[in-house]
C-alpha atoms as a PDB file:
ATOM      1  CA  UNK A   1      72.329  10.861  81.395  1.00  0.00           C
ATOM      2  CA  UNK A   2      72.055  12.081  77.783  1.00  0.00           C
ATOM      3  CA  UNK A   3      75.349  12.318  75.951  1.00  0.00           C
ATOM      4  CA  UNK A   4      76.904  14.743  73.484  1.00  0.00           C
ATOM      5  CA  UNK A   5      74.698  15.950  70.654  1.00  0.00           C
ATOM      6  CA  UNK A   6      75.481  14.539  67.191  1.00  0.00           C
ATOM      7  CA  UNK A   7      76.117  16.865  64.253  1.00  0.00           C
ATOM      8  CA  UNK A   8      72.821  18.236  62.920  1.00  0.00           C
ATOM      9  CA  UNK A   9      73.624  18.333  59.204  1.00  0.00           C
ATOM     10  CA  UNK A  10      70.129  19.422  58.108  1.00  0.00           C
ATOM     11  CA  UNK A  11      68.580  21.688  60.709  1.00  0.00           C
ATOM     12  CA  UNK A  12      71.462  24.138  60.933  1.00  0.00           C
ATOM     13  CA  UNK A  13      71.000  24.971  57.256  1.00  0.00           C
ATOM     14  CA  UNK A  14      67.245  25.619  57.332  1.00  0.00           C
ATOM     15  CA  UNK A  15      65.061  28.669  57.941  1.00  0.00           C
ATOM     16  CA  UNK A  16      61.386  29.027  58.847  1.00  0.00           C
ATOM     17  CA  UNK A  17      59.211  27.988  55.931  1.00  0.00           C
ATOM     18  CA  UNK A  18      61.737  25.586  54.388  1.00  0.00           C
ATOM     19  CA  UNK A  19      60.519  22.302  52.888  1.00  0.00           C
ATOM     20  CA  UNK A  20      63.424  20.034  52.039  1.00  0.00           C
ATOM     21  CA  UNK A  21      63.837  16.506  50.688  1.00  0.00           C
ATOM     22  CA  UNK A  22      66.672  14.180  51.592  1.00  0.00           C
ATOM     23  CA  UNK A  23      67.408  10.673  50.312  1.00  0.00           C
ATOM     24  CA  UNK A  24      68.924   7.806  52.275  1.00  0.00           C
ATOM     25  CA  UNK A  25      70.056   4.311  51.300  1.00  0.00           C
ATOM     26  CA  UNK A  26      69.996   2.430  54.618  1.00  0.00           C
ATOM     27  CA  UNK A  27      68.416   2.587  58.064  1.00  0.00           C
ATOM     28  CA  UNK A  28      71.734   3.862  59.435  1.00  0.00           C
ATOM     29  CA  UNK A  29      71.747   6.773  56.965  1.00  0.00           C
ATOM     30  CA  UNK A  30      68.129   7.531  57.827  1.00  0.00           C
ATOM     31  CA  UNK A  31      68.899   7.689  61.538  1.00  0.00           C
ATOM     32  CA  UNK A  32      71.942   9.929  60.981  1.00  0.00           C
ATOM     33  CA  UNK A  33      69.596  12.488  59.429  1.00  0.00           C
ATOM     34  CA  UNK A  34      66.571  12.032  61.654  1.00  0.00           C
ATOM     35  CA  UNK A  35      67.989  11.766  65.161  1.00  0.00           C
ATOM     36  CA  UNK A  36      70.371  14.787  65.133  1.00  0.00           C
ATOM     37  CA  UNK A  37      67.659  16.967  63.547  1.00  0.00           C
ATOM     38  CA  UNK A  38      65.262  16.189  66.385  1.00  0.00           C
ATOM     39  CA  UNK A  39      67.820  16.256  69.190  1.00  0.00           C
ATOM     40  CA  UNK A  40      69.275  19.623  68.196  1.00  0.00           C
ATOM     41  CA  UNK A  41      65.805  21.089  67.807  1.00  0.00           C
ATOM     42  CA  UNK A  42      64.755  19.970  71.283  1.00  0.00           C
ATOM     43  CA  UNK A  43      67.899  21.381  72.869  1.00  0.00           C
ATOM     44  CA  UNK A  44      67.256  24.694  71.079  1.00  0.00           C
ATOM     45  CA  UNK A  45      63.719  24.803  72.460  1.00  0.00           C
ATOM     46  CA  UNK A  46      61.845  23.853  69.292  1.00  0.00           C
ATOM     47  CA  UNK A  47      58.713  21.757  69.218  1.00  0.00           C
ATOM     48  CA  UNK A  48      59.465  18.604  67.183  1.00  0.00           C
ATOM     49  CA  UNK A  49      57.155  16.169  65.425  1.00  0.00           C
ATOM     50  CA  UNK A  50      58.415  13.053  63.683  1.00  0.00           C
ATOM     51  CA  UNK A  51      56.412  10.530  61.673  1.00  0.00           C
ATOM     52  CA  UNK A  52      58.109   7.254  60.768  1.00  0.00           C
ATOM     53  CA  UNK A  53      57.118   4.235  58.733  1.00  0.00           C
ATOM     54  CA  UNK A  54      60.260   2.159  58.149  1.00  0.00           C
ATOM     55  CA  UNK A  55      61.040   1.937  61.863  1.00  0.00           C
ATOM     56  CA  UNK A  56      58.862   1.890  65.008  1.00  0.00           C
ATOM     57  CA  UNK A  57      58.421   5.175  66.898  1.00  0.00           C
ATOM     58  CA  UNK A  58      59.861   3.467  69.995  1.00  0.00           C
ATOM     59  CA  UNK A  59      63.125   2.858  68.138  1.00  0.00           C
ATOM     60  CA  UNK A  60      63.447   6.569  67.383  1.00  0.00           C
ATOM     61  CA  UNK A  61      62.792   7.435  71.021  1.00  0.00           C
ATOM     62  CA  UNK A  62      65.459   4.980  72.123  1.00  0.00           C
ATOM     63  CA  UNK A  63      68.021   6.583  69.794  1.00  0.00           C
ATOM     64  CA  UNK A  64      67.046  10.067  70.942  1.00  0.00           C
ATOM     65  CA  UNK A  65      67.365   9.098  74.592  1.00  0.00           C
ATOM     66  CA  UNK A  66      71.124   8.813  74.115  1.00  0.00           C
ATOM     67  CA  UNK A  67      71.271  12.561  73.486  1.00  0.00           C
ATOM     68  CA  UNK A  68      68.293  14.227  75.233  1.00  0.00           C
ATOM     69  CA  UNK A  69      65.890  13.686  78.111  1.00  0.00           C
ATOM     70  CA  UNK A  70      63.126  12.107  76.038  1.00  0.00           C
ATOM     71  CA  UNK A  71      60.658  11.649  78.894  1.00  0.00           C
ATOM     72  CA  UNK A  72      60.842  15.317  79.853  1.00  0.00           C
ATOM     73  CA  UNK A  73      60.283  16.508  76.280  1.00  0.00           C
ATOM     74  CA  UNK A  74      57.369  14.110  75.855  1.00  0.00           C
ATOM     75  CA  UNK A  75      55.803  15.232  79.133  1.00  0.00           C
ATOM     76  CA  UNK A  76      56.191  18.889  78.167  1.00  0.00           C
ATOM     77  CA  UNK A  77      54.544  18.247  74.798  1.00  0.00           C
ATOM     78  CA  UNK A  78      57.564  19.393  72.807  1.00  0.00           C
ATOM     79  CA  UNK A  79      58.269  15.993  71.239  1.00  0.00           C
ATOM     80  CA  UNK A  80      55.945  13.731  69.315  1.00  0.00           C
ATOM     81  CA  UNK A  81      57.045  10.593  67.469  1.00  0.00           C
ATOM     82  CA  UNK A  82      54.264   8.857  65.582  1.00  0.00           C
ATOM     83  CA  UNK A  83      53.756   6.049  63.088  1.00  0.00           C
ATOM     84  CA  UNK A  84      52.189   6.331  59.650  1.00  0.00           C
ATOM     85  CA  UNK A  85      49.132   4.252  60.642  1.00  0.00           C
ATOM     86  CA  UNK A  86      48.046   6.896  63.149  1.00  0.00           C
ATOM     87  CA  UNK A  87      48.775   9.837  60.849  1.00  0.00           C
ATOM     88  CA  UNK A  88      48.925   9.307  57.083  1.00  0.00           C
ATOM     89  CA  UNK A  89      46.607   6.289  57.278  1.00  0.00           C
ATOM     90  CA  UNK A  90      44.497   7.302  60.264  1.00  0.00           C
ATOM     91  CA  UNK A  91      41.333   6.646  58.228  1.00  0.00           C
ATOM     92  CA  UNK A  92      42.683   3.601  56.423  1.00  0.00           C
ATOM     93  CA  UNK A  93      43.881   5.386  53.303  1.00  0.00           C
ATOM     94  CA  UNK A  94      45.912   8.485  52.586  1.00  0.00           C
ATOM     95  CA  UNK A  95      43.865  11.701  52.635  1.00  0.00           C
ATOM     96  CA  UNK A  96      46.183  14.582  51.653  1.00  0.00           C
ATOM     97  CA  UNK A  97      43.923  17.358  52.915  1.00  0.00           C
ATOM     98  CA  UNK A  98      43.890  15.858  56.420  1.00  0.00           C
ATOM     99  CA  UNK A  99      47.669  15.636  56.569  1.00  0.00           C
ATOM    100  CA  UNK A 100      47.985  19.227  55.374  1.00  0.00           C
ATOM    101  CA  UNK A 101      45.807  20.278  58.304  1.00  0.00           C
ATOM    102  CA  UNK A 102      47.846  18.013  60.599  1.00  0.00           C
ATOM    103  CA  UNK A 103      51.126  19.789  59.810  1.00  0.00           C
ATOM    104  CA  UNK A 104      49.526  23.218  59.929  1.00  0.00           C
ATOM    105  CA  UNK A 105      48.141  22.459  63.393  1.00  0.00           C
ATOM    106  CA  UNK A 106      51.615  21.591  64.676  1.00  0.00           C
ATOM    107  CA  UNK A 107      52.848  25.086  63.960  1.00  0.00           C
ATOM    108  CA  UNK A 108      49.693  26.649  65.357  1.00  0.00           C
ATOM    109  CA  UNK A 109      50.118  24.921  68.713  1.00  0.00           C
ATOM    110  CA  UNK A 110      53.780  25.722  69.151  1.00  0.00           C
ATOM    111  CA  UNK A 111      53.649  29.277  70.496  1.00  0.00           C
ATOM    112  CA  UNK A 112      56.827  31.153  69.644  1.00  0.00           C
ATOM    113  CA  UNK A 113      59.776  29.667  67.826  1.00  0.00           C
ATOM    114  CA  UNK A 114      60.278  27.539  64.739  1.00  0.00           C
ATOM    115  CA  UNK A 115      58.760  24.062  64.718  1.00  0.00           C
ATOM    116  CA  UNK A 116      60.816  21.137  63.386  1.00  0.00           C
ATOM    117  CA  UNK A 117      58.914  18.411  61.523  1.00  0.00           C
ATOM    118  CA  UNK A 118      60.449  15.375  59.871  1.00  0.00           C
ATOM    119  CA  UNK A 119      58.739  12.564  58.014  1.00  0.00           C
ATOM    120  CA  UNK A 120      59.968   9.191  56.845  1.00  0.00           C
ATOM    121  CA  UNK A 121      58.075   8.851  53.562  1.00  0.00           C
ATOM    122  CA  UNK A 122      58.394   5.077  53.209  1.00  0.00           C
ATOM    123  CA  UNK A 123      54.622   4.862  53.650  1.00  0.00           C
ATOM    124  CA  UNK A 124      54.359   5.883  49.982  1.00  0.00           C
ATOM    125  CA  UNK A 125      55.468   2.355  49.021  1.00  0.00           C
ATOM    126  CA  UNK A 126      52.698   0.634  50.972  1.00  0.00           C
ATOM    127  CA  UNK A 127      49.630  -0.868  49.341  1.00  0.00           C
ATOM    128  CA  UNK A 128      47.149   1.685  50.687  1.00  0.00           C
ATOM    129  CA  UNK A 129      44.442   3.786  48.999  1.00  0.00           C
ATOM    130  CA  UNK A 130      45.595   7.282  48.114  1.00  0.00           C
ATOM    131  CA  UNK A 131      49.359   6.775  48.152  1.00  0.00           C
ATOM    132  CA  UNK A 132      49.444   7.708  44.459  1.00  0.00           C
ATOM    133  CA  UNK A 133      48.634  11.287  45.540  1.00  0.00           C
ATOM    134  CA  UNK A 134      51.941  11.754  47.346  1.00  0.00           C
ATOM    135  CA  UNK A 135      53.448  14.186  44.816  1.00  0.00           C
ATOM    136  CA  UNK A 136      50.313  16.327  44.706  1.00  0.00           C
ATOM    137  CA  UNK A 137      50.338  16.381  48.509  1.00  0.00           C
ATOM    138  CA  UNK A 138      54.019  17.356  48.682  1.00  0.00           C
ATOM    139  CA  UNK A 139      53.370  20.192  46.239  1.00  0.00           C
ATOM    140  CA  UNK A 140      50.329  21.430  48.188  1.00  0.00           C
ATOM    141  CA  UNK A 141      52.362  21.386  51.408  1.00  0.00           C
ATOM    142  CA  UNK A 142      54.377  24.283  50.015  1.00  0.00           C
ATOM    143  CA  UNK A 143      51.279  26.490  50.274  1.00  0.00           C
ATOM    144  CA  UNK A 144      51.089  25.658  53.987  1.00  0.00           C
ATOM    145  CA  UNK A 145      54.798  26.179  54.591  1.00  0.00           C
ATOM    146  CA  UNK A 146      54.721  29.779  53.464  1.00  0.00           C
ATOM    147  CA  UNK A 147      52.277  30.708  56.227  1.00  0.00           C
ATOM    148  CA  UNK A 148      53.673  28.980  59.321  1.00  0.00           C
ATOM    149  CA  UNK A 149      56.929  29.130  61.348  1.00  0.00           C
ATOM    150  CA  UNK A 150      58.119  25.586  60.729  1.00  0.00           C
ATOM    151  CA  UNK A 151      60.596  23.543  58.741  1.00  0.00           C
ATOM    152  CA  UNK A 152      59.600  20.233  57.165  1.00  0.00           C
ATOM    153  CA  UNK A 153      62.094  17.558  56.154  1.00  0.00           C
ATOM    154  CA  UNK A 154      60.932  14.615  54.035  1.00  0.00           C
ATOM    155  CA  UNK A 155      63.139  11.513  54.009  1.00  0.00           C
ATOM    156  CA  UNK A 156      62.956   9.097  51.073  1.00  0.00           C
ATOM    157  CA  UNK A 157      64.559   5.658  50.806  1.00  0.00           C
ATOM    158  CA  UNK A 158      66.394   5.890  47.498  1.00  0.00           C
ATOM    159  CA  UNK A 159      66.636   2.095  47.219  1.00  0.00           C
ATOM    160  CA  UNK A 160      62.831   1.935  46.940  1.00  0.00           C
ATOM    161  CA  UNK A 161      62.174   4.946  44.699  1.00  0.00           C
ATOM    162  CA  UNK A 162      61.840   4.604  40.948  1.00  0.00           C
ATOM    163  CA  UNK A 163      62.930   7.368  38.595  1.00  0.00           C
ATOM    164  CA  UNK A 164      59.475   8.917  38.353  1.00  0.00           C
ATOM    165  CA  UNK A 165      59.093   9.229  42.115  1.00  0.00           C
ATOM    166  CA  UNK A 166      62.567  10.757  42.459  1.00  0.00           C
ATOM    167  CA  UNK A 167      61.674  13.403  39.880  1.00  0.00           C
ATOM    168  CA  UNK A 168      58.333  14.097  41.565  1.00  0.00           C
ATOM    169  CA  UNK A 169      60.111  14.525  44.896  1.00  0.00           C
ATOM    170  CA  UNK A 170      62.547  16.982  43.348  1.00  0.00           C
ATOM    171  CA  UNK A 171      59.766  18.915  41.621  1.00  0.00           C
ATOM    172  CA  UNK A 172      57.860  19.391  44.877  1.00  0.00           C
ATOM    173  CA  UNK A 173      60.601  20.454  47.321  1.00  0.00           C
ATOM    174  CA  UNK A 174      62.118  23.950  47.119  1.00  0.00           C
ATOM    175  CA  UNK A 175      65.279  22.683  48.790  1.00  0.00           C
ATOM    176  CA  UNK A 176      67.136  19.392  48.585  1.00  0.00           C
ATOM    177  CA  UNK A 177      69.947  17.823  50.530  1.00  0.00           C
ATOM    178  CA  UNK A 178      72.939  16.943  48.346  1.00  0.00           C
ATOM    179  CA  UNK A 179      75.687  15.212  50.291  1.00  0.00           C
ATOM    180  CA  UNK A 180      75.963  17.222  53.503  1.00  0.00           C
ATOM    181  CA  UNK A 181      74.631  20.436  51.962  1.00  0.00           C
ATOM    182  CA  UNK A 182      71.083  21.783  51.708  1.00  0.00           C
ATOM    183  CA  UNK A 183      70.764  23.640  48.411  1.00  0.00           C
ATOM    184  CA  UNK A 184      68.121  25.502  46.434  1.00  0.00           C
ATOM    185  CA  UNK A 185      66.550  22.889  44.178  1.00  0.00           C
ATOM    186  CA  UNK A 186      66.689  23.812  40.461  1.00  0.00           C
ATOM    187  CA  UNK A 187      64.024  21.201  39.617  1.00  0.00           C
ATOM    188  CA  UNK A 188      61.421  22.680  41.968  1.00  0.00           C
ATOM    189  CA  UNK A 189      58.074  23.749  40.508  1.00  0.00           C
ATOM    190  CA  UNK A 190      55.762  26.074  42.423  1.00  0.00           C
ATOM    191  CA  UNK A 191      52.379  24.492  43.258  1.00  0.00           C
ATOM    192  CA  UNK A 192      50.557  26.078  40.307  1.00  0.00           C
ATOM    193  CA  UNK A 193      53.336  25.017  37.964  1.00  0.00           C
ATOM    194  CA  UNK A 194      53.333  21.491  39.337  1.00  0.00           C
ATOM    195  CA  UNK A 195      49.564  21.176  39.002  1.00  0.00           C
ATOM    196  CA  UNK A 196      49.825  22.237  35.377  1.00  0.00           C
ATOM    197  CA  UNK A 197      52.654  19.771  34.836  1.00  0.00           C
ATOM    198  CA  UNK A 198      50.600  17.006  36.506  1.00  0.00           C
ATOM    199  CA  UNK A 199      47.541  17.696  34.383  1.00  0.00           C
ATOM    200  CA  UNK A 200      45.569  20.003  36.656  1.00  0.00           C
ATOM    201  CA  UNK A 201      44.758  17.599  39.527  1.00  0.00           C
ATOM    202  CA  UNK A 202      44.640  18.887  43.097  1.00  0.00           C
ATOM    203  CA  UNK A 203      45.915  17.353  46.330  1.00  0.00           C
ATOM    204  CA  UNK A 204      42.535  15.876  47.117  1.00  0.00           C
ATOM    205  CA  UNK A 205      41.805  14.668  43.610  1.00  0.00           C
ATOM    206  CA  UNK A 206      42.975  11.851  41.421  1.00  0.00           C
ATOM    207  CA  UNK A 207      46.665  11.567  40.707  1.00  0.00           C
ATOM    208  CA  UNK A 208      47.996  11.504  37.182  1.00  0.00           C
END
């Protein structure tokens, strides 16, 4: 039987339309953010989608099974845990416009209620075509977020991010997790501002 729910340090601080970044330094820190966010959402009746790269989807399901009835949520279509190869790299390389449609479709198929999405962004460090467009994609996602009832959390492994990527992450997320608090991000640039800052490229074009 599923046990007691862990403390959901992210989800309880978010509202529909929020797009937040959070950094972790170890697999254990990643799981302490990811698993409670999904488990609490499922218990509250939310549809949840998770995409992971630094750990297999089966590992996430195993961790979730401690807290919720994973099989039931999977059967009911309210839980989806996927890998980056079948999402971000479904066509071999990263195509931002396809992933924007992917996330938008998750909200469109959810009926009523706020959808919870969480992505482990470690795929950005893989040697794949298009990964250099990650910041432009993250910025463009904010246009989608304003139109759909969902929250999106992007997890970044701080031990693998250089200074430029950290700044790009901060510039493209309206909210950021600092310690155990989700705060308005003072470094955030709206999509038009970010495009100007990046030299006028778009999410489907060449990165700077």
